Amino acid sequence: MFIELVDMLRCPRPHAESWLVVASSRMHDRDIMEGVLGCPVCRTEYPIEGGIARFDEGARCLTPRRPPDEAKAIRLAAFLDLTQPRGYVLLVGTAGSQARLLRELVEVPLLLVNPADDVAMGDGLSGVTTMGDLPLARGSAHGAAVGEPASDALAAAAAEIVRLGGRLVAPAAIAVPAGVTELVRDDRAWVGERDAGSFPSSPIPLERGPR
């Protein structure tokens, strides 16, 4: 788990949104390979094992293995508009199969959700496992790509994590979530851009300034 991504993690328990604190027991450069995440609100602890933060309470990841493919990695980098290293990118399910090749193309941290067990973490790759909500701050990712096993609900959840103006890529069979404007599609996937549709804002009180 890249240490700077810890600030983006959130406790998935049903309480007010909370950041997490981390205690590392083994690091490699700036990656936490072994350690524990703790929620200051509910006191729940989540282990970090092999660079992967485990929010799934022992549930088995069902992401199938996919061989890395340079053409797919280049296509994904273009779809996500990774021309400059900004923020981090979320790769869900089999989209994470291209993570190592994608990392060689762009210097952006990659966070894999439910990665297949043959993808090693470290050197810019981090992972989380979850069978429920995505344990991440809303609007925190530069972009996201959703692979198999995909669902409309999973794409909608990933869209919530993407910042305004960021890109979302998902299989063609998946519905485009509210708050995402479709840019292009083919028979395999669509690419969308995050808009303000599902980012409701609270009224901002106006106060008279000093005269």
Foldseek 3Di string as FASTA:
>chain_A
DQQVCQQFFWQPDPDPTFRWDWDADDDDVRARAWTWIATPPPGDIWIRHLQETEPAVPDAQPQDADAADLVVLVVVCVLFVQPAADFEEEEEGHSCNNVVSNCVVHVYAYEYESYDPVDGDDPRYHYYYHPDAGRGDFQRHQEYEHDPPDELVVQQRRLRNHHAFTKYKYFPVHDDDFQWAWDDDDNGITMTGGHCRPVDDDDDDDDDDDD
